[in-house]
């Protein structure tokens, strides 16, 4: 005679809504803010460890690069070194921030495997560390640009006061991009290598070393489909042109950054538990 055994019912946990997940993620990130700051500081210290000048290399490195490229390009193309230096680096520095964050950020969860499997740490912690590290390094480079501009006699204007807002938009975009790429790399480990190969080519689709006006009219609309164009153009308007960007430029850049961040949070919510088993 076979007797049936009744097993206790396991109550399934209600999946939190997206709004609750976002609120919880923001709250957890705020609770861990001191740890994020410590990780960012450690990353920067590790980069300049045992060097005589330490953090000053974050200022001198970009400064020497700017001087070298400016002199070489101005001699080859016979361009005014004062305007060309500021023009090219108002695009090159933000692009370096975005591309470097993308490559490093794609590994943010994979490289944190030992932490995620042993400790309870909010998964947003690691994208925040990437964004913080590269944004601070970007500030060093931006300081170098402002210094070299002063030496060359470039006239800075009050529009520079808008730089914190532009950096905040960029950081939001990078955070969303880092989350998306980090989750994707957990499932497809070759992604970071693909980014390292494709991003240098992607660089030439953005008017950084050439003006947007030089693009033929019939092809210009295709270049405008590049989401990074709008963010980089904010830097160019604020620093090089010395003007406040039009409302529509702000709106497009902020909308792109927020949409990318929202997409990253949606993907992270759906794969939050499964990621651990894929590592």
C-alpha atoms as a PDB file:
ATOM      1  CA  UNK A   1       0.000   0.000   0.000  1.00  0.00           C
ATOM      2  CA  UNK A   2       1.431   3.309  -1.047  1.00  0.00           C
ATOM      3  CA  UNK A   3       0.755   6.212   1.224  1.00  0.00           C
ATOM      4  CA  UNK A   4       1.056   9.713  -0.095  1.00  0.00           C
ATOM      5  CA  UNK A   5       3.345  12.072   1.758  1.00  0.00           C
ATOM      6  CA  UNK A   6       2.266  15.673   1.840  1.00  0.00           C
ATOM      7  CA  UNK A   7       5.210  18.032   1.602  1.00  0.00           C
ATOM      8  CA  UNK A   8       5.073  21.508   3.112  1.00  0.00           C
ATOM      9  CA  UNK A   9       4.295  24.141   0.556  1.00  0.00           C
ATOM     10  CA  UNK A  10       7.110  26.505  -0.193  1.00  0.00           C
ATOM     11  CA  UNK A  11       5.762  29.986  -0.532  1.00  0.00           C
ATOM     12  CA  UNK A  12       7.239  31.747  -3.495  1.00  0.00           C
ATOM     13  CA  UNK A  13       8.660  35.151  -2.780  1.00  0.00           C
ATOM     14  CA  UNK A  14       6.841  37.927  -4.516  1.00  0.00           C
ATOM     15  CA  UNK A  15       9.004  39.502  -7.154  1.00  0.00           C
ATOM     16  CA  UNK A  16       9.356  43.188  -6.270  1.00  0.00           C
ATOM     17  CA  UNK A  17       8.148  45.750  -8.746  1.00  0.00           C
ATOM     18  CA  UNK A  18      10.652  47.722 -10.806  1.00  0.00           C
ATOM     19  CA  UNK A  19       9.969  50.836  -8.723  1.00  0.00           C
ATOM     20  CA  UNK A  20      10.698  48.946  -5.475  1.00  0.00           C
ATOM     21  CA  UNK A  21      13.821  47.437  -7.001  1.00  0.00           C
ATOM     22  CA  UNK A  22      15.103  50.860  -8.061  1.00  0.00           C
ATOM     23  CA  UNK A  23      14.319  52.349  -4.650  1.00  0.00           C
ATOM     24  CA  UNK A  24      16.051  49.437  -2.902  1.00  0.00           C
ATOM     25  CA  UNK A  25      19.098  49.708  -5.192  1.00  0.00           C
ATOM     26  CA  UNK A  26      19.444  53.446  -4.563  1.00  0.00           C
ATOM     27  CA  UNK A  27      19.023  52.931  -0.812  1.00  0.00           C
ATOM     28  CA  UNK A  28      21.623  50.145  -0.750  1.00  0.00           C
ATOM     29  CA  UNK A  29      24.080  52.219  -2.796  1.00  0.00           C
ATOM     30  CA  UNK A  30      23.634  55.090  -0.352  1.00  0.00           C
ATOM     31  CA  UNK A  31      24.189  52.774   2.614  1.00  0.00           C
ATOM     32  CA  UNK A  32      27.416  51.547   1.001  1.00  0.00           C
ATOM     33  CA  UNK A  33      28.615  54.995  -0.077  1.00  0.00           C
ATOM     34  CA  UNK A  34      31.657  54.916   2.212  1.00  0.00           C
ATOM     35  CA  UNK A  35      32.690  51.522   0.860  1.00  0.00           C
ATOM     36  CA  UNK A  36      32.287  52.820  -2.708  1.00  0.00           C
ATOM     37  CA  UNK A  37      34.488  55.784  -1.856  1.00  0.00           C
ATOM     38  CA  UNK A  38      37.095  53.452  -0.348  1.00  0.00           C
ATOM     39  CA  UNK A  39      37.118  51.189  -3.431  1.00  0.00           C
ATOM     40  CA  UNK A  40      37.461  54.183  -5.757  1.00  0.00           C
ATOM     41  CA  UNK A  41      40.348  55.560  -3.690  1.00  0.00           C
ATOM     42  CA  UNK A  42      42.052  52.149  -3.619  1.00  0.00           C
ATOM     43  CA  UNK A  43      41.690  51.787  -7.400  1.00  0.00           C
ATOM     44  CA  UNK A  44      43.304  55.181  -7.952  1.00  0.00           C
ATOM     45  CA  UNK A  45      46.059  54.482  -5.407  1.00  0.00           C
ATOM     46  CA  UNK A  46      46.782  51.128  -7.066  1.00  0.00           C
ATOM     47  CA  UNK A  47      47.118  52.874 -10.409  1.00  0.00           C
ATOM     48  CA  UNK A  48      49.814  55.254  -9.131  1.00  0.00           C
ATOM     49  CA  UNK A  49      51.365  52.976  -6.502  1.00  0.00           C
ATOM     50  CA  UNK A  50      55.115  53.411  -5.867  1.00  0.00           C
ATOM     51  CA  UNK A  51      55.394  56.308  -8.316  1.00  0.00           C
ATOM     52  CA  UNK A  52      57.264  59.382  -7.170  1.00  0.00           C
ATOM     53  CA  UNK A  53      54.547  61.818  -8.243  1.00  0.00           C
ATOM     54  CA  UNK A  54      51.561  59.668  -7.257  1.00  0.00           C
ATOM     55  CA  UNK A  55      48.213  61.288  -8.099  1.00  0.00           C
ATOM     56  CA  UNK A  56      49.968  64.084  -9.974  1.00  0.00           C
ATOM     57  CA  UNK A  57      50.440  61.628 -12.844  1.00  0.00           C
ATOM     58  CA  UNK A  58      46.681  61.817 -13.310  1.00  0.00           C
ATOM     59  CA  UNK A  59      47.262  65.480 -14.126  1.00  0.00           C
ATOM     60  CA  UNK A  60      50.638  65.314 -15.890  1.00  0.00           C
ATOM     61  CA  UNK A  61      49.861  62.295 -18.083  1.00  0.00           C
ATOM     62  CA  UNK A  62      46.948  63.879 -19.975  1.00  0.00           C
ATOM     63  CA  UNK A  63      48.778  67.213 -19.999  1.00  0.00           C
ATOM     64  CA  UNK A  64      51.813  65.740 -21.817  1.00  0.00           C
ATOM     65  CA  UNK A  65      49.562  63.867 -24.232  1.00  0.00           C
ATOM     66  CA  UNK A  66      47.693  67.067 -25.079  1.00  0.00           C
ATOM     67  CA  UNK A  67      50.889  69.032 -25.644  1.00  0.00           C
ATOM     68  CA  UNK A  68      52.383  66.320 -27.908  1.00  0.00           C
ATOM     69  CA  UNK A  69      49.274  65.805 -30.038  1.00  0.00           C
ATOM     70  CA  UNK A  70      48.587  69.521 -30.292  1.00  0.00           C
ATOM     71  CA  UNK A  71      52.091  70.340 -31.518  1.00  0.00           C
ATOM     72  CA  UNK A  72      52.189  67.416 -33.982  1.00  0.00           C
ATOM     73  CA  UNK A  73      48.713  68.040 -35.427  1.00  0.00           C
ATOM     74  CA  UNK A  74      49.233  71.785 -35.702  1.00  0.00           C
ATOM     75  CA  UNK A  75      52.528  71.275 -37.573  1.00  0.00           C
ATOM     76  CA  UNK A  76      51.060  68.698 -39.973  1.00  0.00           C
ATOM     77  CA  UNK A  77      47.732  70.384 -40.703  1.00  0.00           C
ATOM     78  CA  UNK A  78      48.890  73.990 -40.094  1.00  0.00           C
ATOM     79  CA  UNK A  79      46.001  74.614 -37.695  1.00  0.00           C
ATOM     80  CA  UNK A  80      45.992  77.260 -35.001  1.00  0.00           C
ATOM     81  CA  UNK A  81      47.329  75.372 -31.982  1.00  0.00           C
ATOM     82  CA  UNK A  82      45.310  77.407 -29.483  1.00  0.00           C
ATOM     83  CA  UNK A  83      41.868  76.605 -30.861  1.00  0.00           C
ATOM     84  CA  UNK A  84      42.715  73.150 -32.188  1.00  0.00           C
ATOM     85  CA  UNK A  85      44.029  71.878 -28.854  1.00  0.00           C
ATOM     86  CA  UNK A  86      40.897  72.835 -26.961  1.00  0.00           C
ATOM     87  CA  UNK A  87      38.644  71.676 -29.817  1.00  0.00           C
ATOM     88  CA  UNK A  88      40.046  68.175 -30.145  1.00  0.00           C
ATOM     89  CA  UNK A  89      40.349  67.467 -26.434  1.00  0.00           C
ATOM     90  CA  UNK A  90      36.853  68.645 -25.550  1.00  0.00           C
ATOM     91  CA  UNK A  91      35.777  65.623 -27.600  1.00  0.00           C
ATOM     92  CA  UNK A  92      38.651  63.234 -26.960  1.00  0.00           C
ATOM     93  CA  UNK A  93      38.576  63.360 -23.159  1.00  0.00           C
ATOM     94  CA  UNK A  94      34.841  62.557 -22.791  1.00  0.00           C
ATOM     95  CA  UNK A  95      35.187  59.800 -25.385  1.00  0.00           C
ATOM     96  CA  UNK A  96      38.108  58.277 -23.464  1.00  0.00           C
ATOM     97  CA  UNK A  97      35.981  58.379 -20.320  1.00  0.00           C
ATOM     98  CA  UNK A  98      33.098  56.592 -22.062  1.00  0.00           C
ATOM     99  CA  UNK A  99      35.173  53.982 -23.913  1.00  0.00           C
ATOM    100  CA  UNK A 100      37.470  53.147 -20.974  1.00  0.00           C
ATOM    101  CA  UNK A 101      34.467  52.839 -18.656  1.00  0.00           C
ATOM    102  CA  UNK A 102      32.737  50.548 -21.162  1.00  0.00           C
ATOM    103  CA  UNK A 103      35.674  48.148 -21.450  1.00  0.00           C
ATOM    104  CA  UNK A 104      36.426  48.068 -17.721  1.00  0.00           C
ATOM    105  CA  UNK A 105      32.746  48.160 -16.761  1.00  0.00           C
ATOM    106  CA  UNK A 106      31.948  45.096 -18.833  1.00  0.00           C
ATOM    107  CA  UNK A 107      34.019  43.116 -16.314  1.00  0.00           C
ATOM    108  CA  UNK A 108      32.505  44.727 -13.205  1.00  0.00           C
ATOM    109  CA  UNK A 109      30.444  41.679 -12.128  1.00  0.00           C
ATOM    110  CA  UNK A 110      32.746  38.961 -13.454  1.00  0.00           C
ATOM    111  CA  UNK A 111      35.788  40.382 -11.660  1.00  0.00           C
ATOM    112  CA  UNK A 112      33.725  40.673  -8.455  1.00  0.00           C
ATOM    113  CA  UNK A 113      32.757  37.002  -8.460  1.00  0.00           C
ATOM    114  CA  UNK A 114      34.518  36.239  -5.180  1.00  0.00           C
ATOM    115  CA  UNK A 115      32.663  39.070  -3.432  1.00  0.00           C
ATOM    116  CA  UNK A 116      29.264  38.248  -4.873  1.00  0.00           C
ATOM    117  CA  UNK A 117      29.474  34.568  -3.932  1.00  0.00           C
ATOM    118  CA  UNK A 118      30.620  35.083  -0.361  1.00  0.00           C
ATOM    119  CA  UNK A 119      29.175  38.375   0.836  1.00  0.00           C
ATOM    120  CA  UNK A 120      25.936  40.258   0.564  1.00  0.00           C
ATOM    121  CA  UNK A 121      26.836  43.299  -1.492  1.00  0.00           C
ATOM    122  CA  UNK A 122      24.337  45.217  -3.629  1.00  0.00           C
ATOM    123  CA  UNK A 123      25.151  44.478  -7.246  1.00  0.00           C
ATOM    124  CA  UNK A 124      24.957  48.161  -8.116  1.00  0.00           C
ATOM    125  CA  UNK A 125      27.984  48.640  -5.869  1.00  0.00           C
ATOM    126  CA  UNK A 126      30.427  47.504  -8.563  1.00  0.00           C
ATOM    127  CA  UNK A 127      29.121  49.668 -11.444  1.00  0.00           C
ATOM    128  CA  UNK A 128      29.228  52.643  -9.059  1.00  0.00           C
ATOM    129  CA  UNK A 129      32.894  51.899  -8.315  1.00  0.00           C
ATOM    130  CA  UNK A 130      33.722  51.858 -12.047  1.00  0.00           C
ATOM    131  CA  UNK A 131      31.867  55.122 -12.658  1.00  0.00           C
ATOM    132  CA  UNK A 132      33.492  56.770  -9.638  1.00  0.00           C
ATOM    133  CA  UNK A 133      37.020  55.667 -10.555  1.00  0.00           C
ATOM    134  CA  UNK A 134      36.907  56.809 -14.161  1.00  0.00           C
ATOM    135  CA  UNK A 135      35.027  60.013 -13.407  1.00  0.00           C
ATOM    136  CA  UNK A 136      37.672  61.088 -10.882  1.00  0.00           C
ATOM    137  CA  UNK A 137      40.394  60.243 -13.392  1.00  0.00           C
ATOM    138  CA  UNK A 138      38.472  62.255 -15.987  1.00  0.00           C
ATOM    139  CA  UNK A 139      38.483  65.258 -13.649  1.00  0.00           C
ATOM    140  CA  UNK A 140      42.294  65.113 -13.602  1.00  0.00           C
ATOM    141  CA  UNK A 141      42.340  65.137 -17.410  1.00  0.00           C
ATOM    142  CA  UNK A 142      39.813  67.963 -17.543  1.00  0.00           C
ATOM    143  CA  UNK A 143      41.965  70.004 -15.158  1.00  0.00           C
ATOM    144  CA  UNK A 144      44.912  69.446 -17.493  1.00  0.00           C
ATOM    145  CA  UNK A 145      42.841  70.725 -20.411  1.00  0.00           C
ATOM    146  CA  UNK A 146      41.837  73.862 -18.526  1.00  0.00           C
ATOM    147  CA  UNK A 147      45.450  74.505 -17.524  1.00  0.00           C
ATOM    148  CA  UNK A 148      46.846  74.097 -21.029  1.00  0.00           C
ATOM    149  CA  UNK A 149      44.049  76.311 -22.345  1.00  0.00           C
ATOM    150  CA  UNK A 150      45.099  79.049 -19.926  1.00  0.00           C
ATOM    151  CA  UNK A 151      48.729  78.749 -21.034  1.00  0.00           C
ATOM    152  CA  UNK A 152      47.681  79.035 -24.693  1.00  0.00           C
ATOM    153  CA  UNK A 153      45.565  82.067 -23.909  1.00  0.00           C
ATOM    154  CA  UNK A 154      42.228  80.483 -24.675  1.00  0.00           C
ATOM    155  CA  UNK A 155      39.389  82.563 -23.273  1.00  0.00           C
ATOM    156  CA  UNK A 156      37.290  80.606 -20.782  1.00  0.00           C
ATOM    157  CA  UNK A 157      33.706  81.756 -20.317  1.00  0.00           C
ATOM    158  CA  UNK A 158      30.971  81.481 -17.684  1.00  0.00           C
ATOM    159  CA  UNK A 159      29.555  78.483 -19.527  1.00  0.00           C
ATOM    160  CA  UNK A 160      32.173  76.402 -17.635  1.00  0.00           C
ATOM    161  CA  UNK A 161      29.834  76.612 -14.655  1.00  0.00           C
ATOM    162  CA  UNK A 162      27.618  74.120 -16.515  1.00  0.00           C
ATOM    163  CA  UNK A 163      30.383  71.482 -16.505  1.00  0.00           C
ATOM    164  CA  UNK A 164      29.170  69.726 -13.294  1.00  0.00           C
ATOM    165  CA  UNK A 165      25.749  69.228 -14.923  1.00  0.00           C
ATOM    166  CA  UNK A 166      27.346  67.822 -18.093  1.00  0.00           C
ATOM    167  CA  UNK A 167      29.530  65.467 -16.028  1.00  0.00           C
ATOM    168  CA  UNK A 168      26.457  64.310 -14.085  1.00  0.00           C
ATOM    169  CA  UNK A 169      24.667  63.454 -17.351  1.00  0.00           C
ATOM    170  CA  UNK A 170      27.764  61.583 -18.562  1.00  0.00           C
ATOM    171  CA  UNK A 171      28.068  59.642 -15.288  1.00  0.00           C
ATOM    172  CA  UNK A 172      24.392  58.620 -15.526  1.00  0.00           C
ATOM    173  CA  UNK A 173      24.901  57.374 -19.080  1.00  0.00           C
ATOM    174  CA  UNK A 174      28.052  55.469 -18.098  1.00  0.00           C
ATOM    175  CA  UNK A 175      26.310  53.882 -15.107  1.00  0.00           C
ATOM    176  CA  UNK A 176      23.516  52.541 -17.291  1.00  0.00           C
ATOM    177  CA  UNK A 177      25.990  51.340 -19.912  1.00  0.00           C
ATOM    178  CA  UNK A 178      28.168  49.653 -17.283  1.00  0.00           C
ATOM    179  CA  UNK A 179      25.222  47.755 -15.809  1.00  0.00           C
ATOM    180  CA  UNK A 180      24.096  46.522 -19.235  1.00  0.00           C
ATOM    181  CA  UNK A 181      27.572  45.488 -20.363  1.00  0.00           C
ATOM    182  CA  UNK A 182      28.401  43.960 -16.974  1.00  0.00           C
ATOM    183  CA  UNK A 183      25.314  41.724 -16.993  1.00  0.00           C
ATOM    184  CA  UNK A 184      25.840  40.800 -20.663  1.00  0.00           C
ATOM    185  CA  UNK A 185      29.464  39.774 -20.008  1.00  0.00           C
ATOM    186  CA  UNK A 186      28.343  37.322 -17.321  1.00  0.00           C
ATOM    187  CA  UNK A 187      26.557  35.386 -20.077  1.00  0.00           C
ATOM    188  CA  UNK A 188      28.945  36.172 -22.943  1.00  0.00           C
ATOM    189  CA  UNK A 189      32.535  36.446 -21.747  1.00  0.00           C
ATOM    190  CA  UNK A 190      33.966  37.550 -25.103  1.00  0.00           C
ATOM    191  CA  UNK A 191      32.094  40.855 -24.949  1.00  0.00           C
ATOM    192  CA  UNK A 192      34.929  42.814 -23.308  1.00  0.00           C
ATOM    193  CA  UNK A 193      37.352  41.655 -26.038  1.00  0.00           C
ATOM    194  CA  UNK A 194      34.854  42.630 -28.740  1.00  0.00           C
ATOM    195  CA  UNK A 195      34.513  46.084 -27.174  1.00  0.00           C
ATOM    196  CA  UNK A 196      38.296  46.505 -27.174  1.00  0.00           C
ATOM    197  CA  UNK A 197      38.329  45.871 -30.935  1.00  0.00           C
ATOM    198  CA  UNK A 198      35.186  47.753 -32.011  1.00  0.00           C
ATOM    199  CA  UNK A 199      35.322  50.899 -29.870  1.00  0.00           C
ATOM    200  CA  UNK A 200      38.464  52.329 -31.567  1.00  0.00           C
ATOM    201  CA  UNK A 201      36.616  52.108 -34.893  1.00  0.00           C
ATOM    202  CA  UNK A 202      33.482  53.557 -33.345  1.00  0.00           C
ATOM    203  CA  UNK A 203      35.588  56.571 -32.363  1.00  0.00           C
ATOM    204  CA  UNK A 204      35.690  57.792 -35.971  1.00  0.00           C
ATOM    205  CA  UNK A 205      31.892  57.886 -36.222  1.00  0.00           C
ATOM    206  CA  UNK A 206      31.838  60.819 -33.788  1.00  0.00           C
ATOM    207  CA  UNK A 207      33.009  64.316 -34.820  1.00  0.00           C
ATOM    208  CA  UNK A 208      35.961  64.477 -32.416  1.00  0.00           C
ATOM    209  CA  UNK A 209      39.012  65.064 -34.596  1.00  0.00           C
ATOM    210  CA  UNK A 210      36.912  66.619 -37.355  1.00  0.00           C
ATOM    211  CA  UNK A 211      34.052  69.160 -37.232  1.00  0.00           C
ATOM    212  CA  UNK A 212      30.481  67.991 -37.746  1.00  0.00           C
ATOM    213  CA  UNK A 213      30.123  70.564 -40.527  1.00  0.00           C
ATOM    214  CA  UNK A 214      32.639  68.617 -42.636  1.00  0.00           C
ATOM    215  CA  UNK A 215      30.250  65.655 -42.897  1.00  0.00           C
ATOM    216  CA  UNK A 216      28.305  65.708 -46.189  1.00  0.00           C
ATOM    217  CA  UNK A 217      24.679  66.679 -45.674  1.00  0.00           C
ATOM    218  CA  UNK A 218      23.318  63.375 -46.995  1.00  0.00           C
ATOM    219  CA  UNK A 219      25.325  61.371 -44.437  1.00  0.00           C
ATOM    220  CA  UNK A 220      25.014  63.688 -41.446  1.00  0.00           C
ATOM    221  CA  UNK A 221      21.767  62.137 -40.195  1.00  0.00           C
ATOM    222  CA  UNK A 222      23.490  58.762 -39.799  1.00  0.00           C
ATOM    223  CA  UNK A 223      26.157  60.293 -37.592  1.00  0.00           C
ATOM    224  CA  UNK A 224      23.457  61.902 -35.461  1.00  0.00           C
ATOM    225  CA  UNK A 225      22.114  58.428 -34.626  1.00  0.00           C
ATOM    226  CA  UNK A 226      25.194  57.870 -32.478  1.00  0.00           C
ATOM    227  CA  UNK A 227      23.981  58.314 -28.860  1.00  0.00           C
ATOM    228  CA  UNK A 228      27.408  59.443 -27.647  1.00  0.00           C
ATOM    229  CA  UNK A 229      27.488  62.331 -30.102  1.00  0.00           C
ATOM    230  CA  UNK A 230      25.017  64.387 -28.082  1.00  0.00           C
ATOM    231  CA  UNK A 231      26.806  63.993 -24.759  1.00  0.00           C
ATOM    232  CA  UNK A 232      30.214  64.808 -26.234  1.00  0.00           C
ATOM    233  CA  UNK A 233      28.726  67.792 -28.044  1.00  0.00           C
ATOM    234  CA  UNK A 234      27.640  69.219 -24.661  1.00  0.00           C
ATOM    235  CA  UNK A 235      31.318  69.401 -23.622  1.00  0.00           C
ATOM    236  CA  UNK A 236      32.252  71.036 -26.902  1.00  0.00           C
ATOM    237  CA  UNK A 237      29.581  73.712 -26.539  1.00  0.00           C
ATOM    238  CA  UNK A 238      30.294  74.434 -22.874  1.00  0.00           C
ATOM    239  CA  UNK A 239      34.119  74.441 -23.087  1.00  0.00           C
ATOM    240  CA  UNK A 240      35.132  75.242 -26.665  1.00  0.00           C
ATOM    241  CA  UNK A 241      32.251  77.382 -27.923  1.00  0.00           C
ATOM    242  CA  UNK A 242      31.676  78.987 -24.530  1.00  0.00           C
ATOM    243  CA  UNK A 243      27.904  78.840 -24.777  1.00  0.00           C
ATOM    244  CA  UNK A 244      25.005  77.250 -22.954  1.00  0.00           C
ATOM    245  CA  UNK A 245      23.676  74.305 -24.989  1.00  0.00           C
ATOM    246  CA  UNK A 246      20.108  74.695 -26.294  1.00  0.00           C
ATOM    247  CA  UNK A 247      17.311  73.075 -24.302  1.00  0.00           C
ATOM    248  CA  UNK A 248      16.789  70.387 -26.961  1.00  0.00           C
ATOM    249  CA  UNK A 249      20.447  69.281 -26.688  1.00  0.00           C
ATOM    250  CA  UNK A 250      20.094  68.961 -22.919  1.00  0.00           C
ATOM    251  CA  UNK A 251      16.791  67.116 -23.335  1.00  0.00           C
ATOM    252  CA  UNK A 252      18.192  64.584 -25.808  1.00  0.00           C
ATOM    253  CA  UNK A 253      21.313  63.891 -23.707  1.00  0.00           C
ATOM    254  CA  UNK A 254      19.387  63.565 -20.437  1.00  0.00           C
ATOM    255  CA  UNK A 255      16.731  61.364 -22.060  1.00  0.00           C
ATOM    256  CA  UNK A 256      19.405  59.054 -23.534  1.00  0.00           C
ATOM    257  CA  UNK A 257      21.245  58.800 -20.215  1.00  0.00           C
ATOM    258  CA  UNK A 258      18.047  58.094 -18.233  1.00  0.00           C
ATOM    259  CA  UNK A 259      16.774  55.547 -20.772  1.00  0.00           C
ATOM    260  CA  UNK A 260      20.108  53.727 -20.715  1.00  0.00           C
ATOM    261  CA  UNK A 261      20.125  53.691 -16.915  1.00  0.00           C
ATOM    262  CA  UNK A 262      16.522  52.462 -16.780  1.00  0.00           C
ATOM    263  CA  UNK A 263      17.311  49.718 -19.303  1.00  0.00           C
ATOM    264  CA  UNK A 264      20.304  48.676 -17.192  1.00  0.00           C
ATOM    265  CA  UNK A 265      18.201  48.488 -14.034  1.00  0.00           C
ATOM    266  CA  UNK A 266      15.506  46.436 -15.800  1.00  0.00           C
ATOM    267  CA  UNK A 267      18.111  43.955 -17.074  1.00  0.00           C
ATOM    268  CA  UNK A 268      19.799  43.778 -13.664  1.00  0.00           C
ATOM    269  CA  UNK A 269      16.471  43.129 -11.920  1.00  0.00           C
ATOM    270  CA  UNK A 270      15.610  40.267 -14.276  1.00  0.00           C
ATOM    271  CA  UNK A 271      18.997  38.595 -13.977  1.00  0.00           C
ATOM    272  CA  UNK A 272      19.967  39.508 -10.415  1.00  0.00           C
ATOM    273  CA  UNK A 273      19.607  35.986  -9.012  1.00  0.00           C
ATOM    274  CA  UNK A 274      20.581  33.993 -12.098  1.00  0.00           C
ATOM    275  CA  UNK A 275      23.890  35.852 -12.548  1.00  0.00           C
ATOM    276  CA  UNK A 276      25.424  34.154  -9.516  1.00  0.00           C
ATOM    277  CA  UNK A 277      24.884  30.693 -11.023  1.00  0.00           C
ATOM    278  CA  UNK A 278      26.395  31.754 -14.351  1.00  0.00           C
ATOM    279  CA  UNK A 279      29.703  32.884 -12.868  1.00  0.00           C
END
